[in-house]
Amino acid sequence: MNNLNKLLEEGKAFQREENIPVPTGRLPSLIPWAVLAFSLVVVSLGIEVFWSLPSHRPLPLCGEETKHLTSCQKTVTPAHSSHKT
């Protein structure tokens, strides 16, 4: 910590010698980020409440009557393994 203080003091002394003004400015504000987060939460809740999706049903089983569908569920019989666990 002593080296850090020494470096900081050397930097301040150099600024005084060279007449470099101390940077003045505002501290960073969290308000824009809070507004953004709040608006995203409101949009998300609005979509969930006002644009609700229909209830989900399982996909139909693949067969002759489902050829016209884009998605169907294949029936797979589990293979019996011969090794013991």
Foldseek 3Di string as FASTA:
>chain_A
DVVVVVVVVVVVVVCVVVVPDDDDDDDDDCVVVVVVVVVVVVVVVCCCPVVPDDDDDAFAEDDDVCPPPPDHDYDDDDDDDPDDD
